Amino acid sequence: MIGDQVAPIVWRKSTKSHDTNCIEVAFCDKGRTVFVRDSKKPDGGTLSVSSSAWQEFIEAIRHGPHPLG
């Protein structure tokens, strides 16, 4: 951020995602906040979580049991 200017949010989508059922993420506030949105509805709602909550979520996906069996 320079003066009163706010840096633009840069959204990322996984390279492993398909055309549907995708989310996009953006890392802001020097990585302290993670924004999540539906890639099909970019003007819809946005969820924000702390970077620590995001890391816990990612670790649960990588190493935890699959919730659907």
PDB file of N, CA and C in Angstrom:
ATOM      1  N   MET A   1       0.847  -1.167   0.000  1.00  0.00           N
ATOM      2  CA  MET A   1       0.000   0.000   0.000  1.00  0.00           C
ATOM      3  C   MET A   1       0.893   1.230   0.000  1.00  0.00           C
ATOM      4  N   ILE A   2       0.563   2.183  -0.832  1.00  0.00           N
ATOM      5  CA  ILE A   2       1.325   3.419  -0.915  1.00  0.00           C
ATOM      6  C   ILE A   2       0.381   4.562  -0.564  1.00  0.00           C
ATOM      7  N   GLY A   3       0.687   5.298   0.512  1.00  0.00           N
ATOM      8  CA  GLY A   3      -0.180   6.399   0.919  1.00  0.00           C
ATOM      9  C   GLY A   3      -1.581   5.905   1.197  1.00  0.00           C
ATOM     10  N   ASP A   4      -2.562   6.555   0.555  1.00  0.00           N
ATOM     11  CA  ASP A   4      -3.961   6.161   0.716  1.00  0.00           C
ATOM     12  C   ASP A   4      -4.403   5.145  -0.321  1.00  0.00           C
ATOM     13  N   GLN A   5      -3.515   4.743  -1.210  1.00  0.00           N
ATOM     14  CA  GLN A   5      -3.875   3.783  -2.246  1.00  0.00           C
ATOM     15  C   GLN A   5      -3.868   2.372  -1.675  1.00  0.00           C
ATOM     16  N   VAL A   6      -4.826   1.592  -2.103  1.00  0.00           N
ATOM     17  CA  VAL A   6      -4.919   0.202  -1.674  1.00  0.00           C
ATOM     18  C   VAL A   6      -4.506  -0.684  -2.840  1.00  0.00           C
ATOM     19  N   ALA A   7      -3.665  -1.669  -2.554  1.00  0.00           N
ATOM     20  CA  ALA A   7      -3.215  -2.585  -3.605  1.00  0.00           C
ATOM     21  C   ALA A   7      -4.408  -3.400  -4.107  1.00  0.00           C
ATOM     22  N   PRO A   8      -4.467  -3.673  -5.405  1.00  0.00           N
ATOM     23  CA  PRO A   8      -5.570  -4.473  -5.937  1.00  0.00           C
ATOM     24  C   PRO A   8      -5.493  -5.909  -5.420  1.00  0.00           C
ATOM     25  N   ILE A   9      -6.654  -6.508  -5.269  1.00  0.00           N
ATOM     26  CA  ILE A   9      -6.711  -7.908  -4.834  1.00  0.00           C
ATOM     27  C   ILE A   9      -6.442  -8.790  -6.042  1.00  0.00           C
ATOM     28  N   VAL A  10      -5.528  -9.725  -5.887  1.00  0.00           N
ATOM     29  CA  VAL A  10      -5.193 -10.657  -6.961  1.00  0.00           C
ATOM     30  C   VAL A  10      -5.787 -12.019  -6.592  1.00  0.00           C
ATOM     31  N   TRP A  11      -6.759 -12.457  -7.381  1.00  0.00           N
ATOM     32  CA  TRP A  11      -7.434 -13.731  -7.132  1.00  0.00           C
ATOM     33  C   TRP A  11      -6.700 -14.853  -7.842  1.00  0.00           C
ATOM     34  N   ARG A  12      -6.621 -16.014  -7.181  1.00  0.00           N
ATOM     35  CA  ARG A  12      -5.969 -17.195  -7.753  1.00  0.00           C
ATOM     36  C   ARG A  12      -6.929 -18.369  -7.717  1.00  0.00           C
ATOM     37  N   LYS A  13      -6.852 -19.191  -8.757  1.00  0.00           N
ATOM     38  CA  LYS A  13      -7.634 -20.422  -8.815  1.00  0.00           C
ATOM     39  C   LYS A  13      -6.651 -21.561  -8.995  1.00  0.00           C
ATOM     40  N   SER A  14      -6.921 -22.676  -8.365  1.00  0.00           N
ATOM     41  CA  SER A  14      -6.033 -23.824  -8.459  1.00  0.00           C
ATOM     42  C   SER A  14      -5.864 -24.273  -9.904  1.00  0.00           C
ATOM     43  N   THR A  15      -4.655 -24.662 -10.259  1.00  0.00           N
ATOM     44  CA  THR A  15      -4.410 -25.199 -11.599  1.00  0.00           C
ATOM     45  C   THR A  15      -5.051 -26.575 -11.751  1.00  0.00           C
ATOM     46  N   LYS A  16      -5.431 -27.206 -10.648  1.00  0.00           N
ATOM     47  CA  LYS A  16      -6.081 -28.512 -10.686  1.00  0.00           C
ATOM     48  C   LYS A  16      -7.595 -28.409 -10.731  1.00  0.00           C
ATOM     49  N   SER A  17      -8.115 -27.185 -10.749  1.00  0.00           N
ATOM     50  CA  SER A  17      -9.558 -27.009 -10.757  1.00  0.00           C
ATOM     51  C   SER A  17     -10.106 -27.244 -12.155  1.00  0.00           C
ATOM     52  N   HIS A  18     -11.398 -27.492 -12.189  1.00  0.00           N
ATOM     53  CA  HIS A  18     -12.099 -27.703 -13.454  1.00  0.00           C
ATOM     54  C   HIS A  18     -12.948 -26.467 -13.732  1.00  0.00           C
ATOM     55  N   ASP A  19     -13.761 -26.522 -14.761  1.00  0.00           N
ATOM     56  CA  ASP A  19     -14.574 -25.361 -15.120  1.00  0.00           C
ATOM     57  C   ASP A  19     -15.685 -25.079 -14.116  1.00  0.00           C
ATOM     58  N   THR A  20     -16.075 -26.070 -13.327  1.00  0.00           N
ATOM     59  CA  THR A  20     -17.145 -25.878 -12.355  1.00  0.00           C
ATOM     60  C   THR A  20     -16.647 -26.226 -10.962  1.00  0.00           C
ATOM     61  N   ASN A  21     -17.420 -25.822  -9.975  1.00  0.00           N
ATOM     62  CA  ASN A  21     -17.118 -26.136  -8.570  1.00  0.00           C
ATOM     63  C   ASN A  21     -15.736 -25.657  -8.144  1.00  0.00           C
ATOM     64  N   CYS A  22     -15.399 -24.430  -8.479  1.00  0.00           N
ATOM     65  CA  CYS A  22     -14.091 -23.884  -8.125  1.00  0.00           C
ATOM     66  C   CYS A  22     -14.251 -22.707  -7.174  1.00  0.00           C
ATOM     67  N   ILE A  23     -13.234 -22.523  -6.377  1.00  0.00           N
ATOM     68  CA  ILE A  23     -13.148 -21.319  -5.573  1.00  0.00           C
ATOM     69  C   ILE A  23     -11.891 -20.579  -5.986  1.00  0.00           C
ATOM     70  N   GLU A  24     -11.875 -19.301  -5.677  1.00  0.00           N
ATOM     71  CA  GLU A  24     -10.684 -18.489  -5.887  1.00  0.00           C
ATOM     72  C   GLU A  24     -10.277 -17.941  -4.529  1.00  0.00           C
ATOM     73  N   VAL A  25      -8.985 -17.755  -4.343  1.00  0.00           N
ATOM     74  CA  VAL A  25      -8.485 -17.197  -3.092  1.00  0.00           C
ATOM     75  C   VAL A  25      -7.601 -15.993  -3.386  1.00  0.00           C
ATOM     76  N   ALA A  26      -7.550 -15.099  -2.421  1.00  0.00           N
ATOM     77  CA  ALA A  26      -6.675 -13.931  -2.501  1.00  0.00           C
ATOM     78  C   ALA A  26      -6.066 -13.727  -1.120  1.00  0.00           C
ATOM     79  N   PHE A  27      -4.769 -13.460  -1.094  1.00  0.00           N
ATOM     80  CA  PHE A  27      -4.050 -13.244   0.156  1.00  0.00           C
ATOM     81  C   PHE A  27      -3.797 -11.748   0.306  1.00  0.00           C
ATOM     82  N   CYS A  28      -4.269 -11.177   1.404  1.00  0.00           N
ATOM     83  CA  CYS A  28      -4.180  -9.730   1.619  1.00  0.00           C
ATOM     84  C   CYS A  28      -3.558  -9.429   2.973  1.00  0.00           C
ATOM     85  N   ASP A  29      -3.351  -8.155   3.230  1.00  0.00           N
ATOM     86  CA  ASP A  29      -2.777  -7.703   4.503  1.00  0.00           C
ATOM     87  C   ASP A  29      -1.473  -8.428   4.809  1.00  0.00           C
ATOM     88  N   LYS A  30      -0.604  -8.489   3.810  1.00  0.00           N
ATOM     89  CA  LYS A  30       0.687  -9.176   3.946  1.00  0.00           C
ATOM     90  C   LYS A  30       0.504 -10.631   4.365  1.00  0.00           C
ATOM     91  N   GLY A  31      -0.559 -11.256   3.822  1.00  0.00           N
ATOM     92  CA  GLY A  31      -0.792 -12.672   4.082  1.00  0.00           C
ATOM     93  C   GLY A  31      -1.572 -12.970   5.346  1.00  0.00           C
ATOM     94  N   ARG A  32      -1.996 -11.951   6.090  1.00  0.00           N
ATOM     95  CA  ARG A  32      -2.722 -12.191   7.341  1.00  0.00           C
ATOM     96  C   ARG A  32      -4.183 -12.535   7.115  1.00  0.00           C
ATOM     97  N   THR A  33      -4.744 -12.143   5.983  1.00  0.00           N
ATOM     98  CA  THR A  33      -6.147 -12.395   5.680  1.00  0.00           C
ATOM     99  C   THR A  33      -6.250 -13.113   4.347  1.00  0.00           C
ATOM    100  N   VAL A  34      -7.134 -14.110   4.293  1.00  0.00           N
ATOM    101  CA  VAL A  34      -7.379 -14.856   3.063  1.00  0.00           C
ATOM    102  C   VAL A  34      -8.842 -14.641   2.690  1.00  0.00           C
ATOM    103  N   PHE A  35      -9.080 -14.194   1.461  1.00  0.00           N
ATOM    104  CA  PHE A  35     -10.433 -14.036   0.949  1.00  0.00           C
ATOM    105  C   PHE A  35     -10.739 -15.223   0.038  1.00  0.00           C
ATOM    106  N   VAL A  36     -11.977 -15.710   0.110  1.00  0.00           N
ATOM    107  CA  VAL A  36     -12.410 -16.865  -0.682  1.00  0.00           C
ATOM    108  C   VAL A  36     -13.716 -16.484  -1.373  1.00  0.00           C
ATOM    109  N   ARG A  37     -13.829 -16.835  -2.655  1.00  0.00           N
ATOM    110  CA  ARG A  37     -15.073 -16.570  -3.386  1.00  0.00           C
ATOM    111  C   ARG A  37     -15.338 -17.675  -4.389  1.00  0.00           C
ATOM    112  N   ASP A  38     -16.570 -17.739  -4.857  1.00  0.00           N
ATOM    113  CA  ASP A  38     -16.985 -18.691  -5.883  1.00  0.00           C
ATOM    114  C   ASP A  38     -16.530 -18.158  -7.236  1.00  0.00           C
ATOM    115  N   SER A  39     -15.767 -18.952  -7.970  1.00  0.00           N
ATOM    116  CA  SER A  39     -15.241 -18.476  -9.250  1.00  0.00           C
ATOM    117  C   SER A  39     -16.339 -18.253 -10.285  1.00  0.00           C
ATOM    118  N   LYS A  40     -17.480 -18.924 -10.119  1.00  0.00           N
ATOM    119  CA  LYS A  40     -18.582 -18.751 -11.069  1.00  0.00           C
ATOM    120  C   LYS A  40     -19.374 -17.477 -10.787  1.00  0.00           C
ATOM    121  N   LYS A  41     -19.253 -16.948  -9.554  1.00  0.00           N
ATOM    122  CA  LYS A  41     -19.983 -15.742  -9.161  1.00  0.00           C
ATOM    123  C   LYS A  41     -19.017 -14.762  -8.493  1.00  0.00           C
ATOM    124  N   PRO A  42     -18.080 -14.217  -9.256  1.00  0.00           N
ATOM    125  CA  PRO A  42     -17.059 -13.353  -8.656  1.00  0.00           C
ATOM    126  C   PRO A  42     -17.612 -12.087  -8.008  1.00  0.00           C
ATOM    127  N   ASP A  43     -18.815 -11.664  -8.394  1.00  0.00           N
ATOM    128  CA  ASP A  43     -19.416 -10.484  -7.783  1.00  0.00           C
ATOM    129  C   ASP A  43     -20.312 -10.843  -6.606  1.00  0.00           C
ATOM    130  N   GLY A  44     -20.379 -12.126  -6.275  1.00  0.00           N
ATOM    131  CA  GLY A  44     -21.187 -12.573  -5.148  1.00  0.00           C
ATOM    132  C   GLY A  44     -20.448 -12.336  -3.846  1.00  0.00           C
ATOM    133  N   GLY A  45     -20.856 -13.028  -2.820  1.00  0.00           N
ATOM    134  CA  GLY A  45     -20.256 -12.850  -1.502  1.00  0.00           C
ATOM    135  C   GLY A  45     -18.816 -13.343  -1.439  1.00  0.00           C
ATOM    136  N   THR A  46     -18.097 -12.810  -0.472  1.00  0.00           N
ATOM    137  CA  THR A  46     -16.707 -13.170  -0.238  1.00  0.00           C
ATOM    138  C   THR A  46     -16.542 -13.533   1.226  1.00  0.00           C
ATOM    139  N   LEU A  47     -15.883 -14.634   1.478  1.00  0.00           N
ATOM    140  CA  LEU A  47     -15.579 -15.078   2.831  1.00  0.00           C
ATOM    141  C   LEU A  47     -14.163 -14.650   3.160  1.00  0.00           C
ATOM    142  N   SER A  48     -13.950 -14.149   4.369  1.00  0.00           N
ATOM    143  CA  SER A  48     -12.584 -13.821   4.786  1.00  0.00           C
ATOM    144  C   SER A  48     -12.254 -14.611   6.043  1.00  0.00           C
ATOM    145  N   VAL A  49     -11.045 -15.161   6.071  1.00  0.00           N
ATOM    146  CA  VAL A  49     -10.570 -15.931   7.215  1.00  0.00           C
ATOM    147  C   VAL A  49      -9.132 -15.517   7.513  1.00  0.00           C
ATOM    148  N   SER A  50      -8.700 -15.810   8.725  1.00  0.00           N
ATOM    149  CA  SER A  50      -7.305 -15.517   9.073  1.00  0.00           C
ATOM    150  C   SER A  50      -6.395 -16.501   8.355  1.00  0.00           C
ATOM    151  N   SER A  51      -5.157 -16.128   8.205  1.00  0.00           N
ATOM    152  CA  SER A  51      -4.214 -17.031   7.532  1.00  0.00           C
ATOM    153  C   SER A  51      -4.030 -18.318   8.332  1.00  0.00           C
ATOM    154  N   SER A  52      -4.103 -18.243   9.666  1.00  0.00           N
ATOM    155  CA  SER A  52      -3.956 -19.466  10.470  1.00  0.00           C
ATOM    156  C   SER A  52      -5.153 -20.393  10.269  1.00  0.00           C
ATOM    157  N   ALA A  53      -6.357 -19.842  10.175  1.00  0.00           N
ATOM    158  CA  ALA A  53      -7.534 -20.671   9.903  1.00  0.00           C
ATOM    159  C   ALA A  53      -7.438 -21.306   8.520  1.00  0.00           C
ATOM    160  N   TRP A  54      -6.932 -20.547   7.545  1.00  0.00           N
ATOM    161  CA  TRP A  54      -6.764 -21.079   6.186  1.00  0.00           C
ATOM    162  C   TRP A  54      -5.759 -22.243   6.192  1.00  0.00           C
ATOM    163  N   GLN A  55      -4.654 -22.078   6.901  1.00  0.00           N
ATOM    164  CA  GLN A  55      -3.647 -23.141   6.968  1.00  0.00           C
ATOM    165  C   GLN A  55      -4.212 -24.398   7.627  1.00  0.00           C
ATOM    166  N   GLU A  56      -5.008 -24.232   8.678  1.00  0.00           N
ATOM    167  CA  GLU A  56      -5.643 -25.383   9.328  1.00  0.00           C
ATOM    168  C   GLU A  56      -6.587 -26.092   8.359  1.00  0.00           C
ATOM    169  N   PHE A  57      -7.334 -25.322   7.573  1.00  0.00           N
ATOM    170  CA  PHE A  57      -8.240 -25.881   6.574  1.00  0.00           C
ATOM    171  C   PHE A  57      -7.466 -26.687   5.532  1.00  0.00           C
ATOM    172  N   ILE A  58      -6.389 -26.101   5.009  1.00  0.00           N
ATOM    173  CA  ILE A  58      -5.574 -26.788   3.996  1.00  0.00           C
ATOM    174  C   ILE A  58      -4.960 -28.066   4.567  1.00  0.00           C
ATOM    175  N   GLU A  59      -4.437 -28.010   5.778  1.00  0.00           N
ATOM    176  CA  GLU A  59      -3.848 -29.204   6.405  1.00  0.00           C
ATOM    177  C   GLU A  59      -4.900 -30.286   6.617  1.00  0.00           C
ATOM    178  N   ALA A  60      -6.106 -29.901   6.998  1.00  0.00           N
ATOM    179  CA  ALA A  60      -7.181 -30.885   7.187  1.00  0.00           C
ATOM    180  C   ALA A  60      -7.527 -31.564   5.864  1.00  0.00           C
ATOM    181  N   ILE A  61      -7.508 -30.798   4.778  1.00  0.00           N
ATOM    182  CA  ILE A  61      -7.789 -31.381   3.464  1.00  0.00           C
ATOM    183  C   ILE A  61      -6.662 -32.330   3.054  1.00  0.00           C
ATOM    184  N   ARG A  62      -5.433 -31.923   3.265  1.00  0.00           N
ATOM    185  CA  ARG A  62      -4.287 -32.742   2.851  1.00  0.00           C
ATOM    186  C   ARG A  62      -4.144 -34.019   3.668  1.00  0.00           C
ATOM    187  N   HIS A  63      -4.372 -33.931   4.975  1.00  0.00           N
ATOM    188  CA  HIS A  63      -4.013 -35.041   5.852  1.00  0.00           C
ATOM    189  C   HIS A  63      -5.167 -35.661   6.620  1.00  0.00           C
ATOM    190  N   GLY A  64      -6.301 -35.006   6.651  1.00  0.00           N
ATOM    191  CA  GLY A  64      -7.410 -35.531   7.442  1.00  0.00           C
ATOM    192  C   GLY A  64      -8.223 -36.552   6.676  1.00  0.00           C
ATOM    193  N   PRO A  65      -9.063 -37.275   7.390  1.00  0.00           N
ATOM    194  CA  PRO A  65      -9.935 -38.240   6.710  1.00  0.00           C
ATOM    195  C   PRO A  65     -10.957 -37.500   5.849  1.00  0.00           C
ATOM    196  N   HIS A  66     -11.330 -38.103   4.755  1.00  0.00           N
ATOM    197  CA  HIS A  66     -12.312 -37.495   3.872  1.00  0.00           C
ATOM    198  C   HIS A  66     -13.676 -37.533   4.556  1.00  0.00           C
ATOM    199  N   PRO A  67     -14.395 -36.399   4.634  1.00  0.00           N
ATOM    200  CA  PRO A  67     -15.648 -36.356   5.375  1.00  0.00           C
ATOM    201  C   PRO A  67     -16.770 -37.210   4.779  1.00  0.00           C
ATOM    202  N   LEU A  68     -16.655 -37.585   3.508  1.00  0.00           N
ATOM    203  CA  LEU A  68     -17.696 -38.392   2.888  1.00  0.00           C
ATOM    204  C   LEU A  68     -17.327 -39.864   2.816  1.00  0.00           C
ATOM    205  N   GLY A  69     -16.272 -40.244   3.477  1.00  0.00           N
ATOM    206  CA  GLY A  69     -15.902 -41.658   3.512  1.00  0.00           C
ATOM    207  C   GLY A  69     -14.794 -41.913   2.636  1.00  0.00           C
TER     208      GLY A  69
END
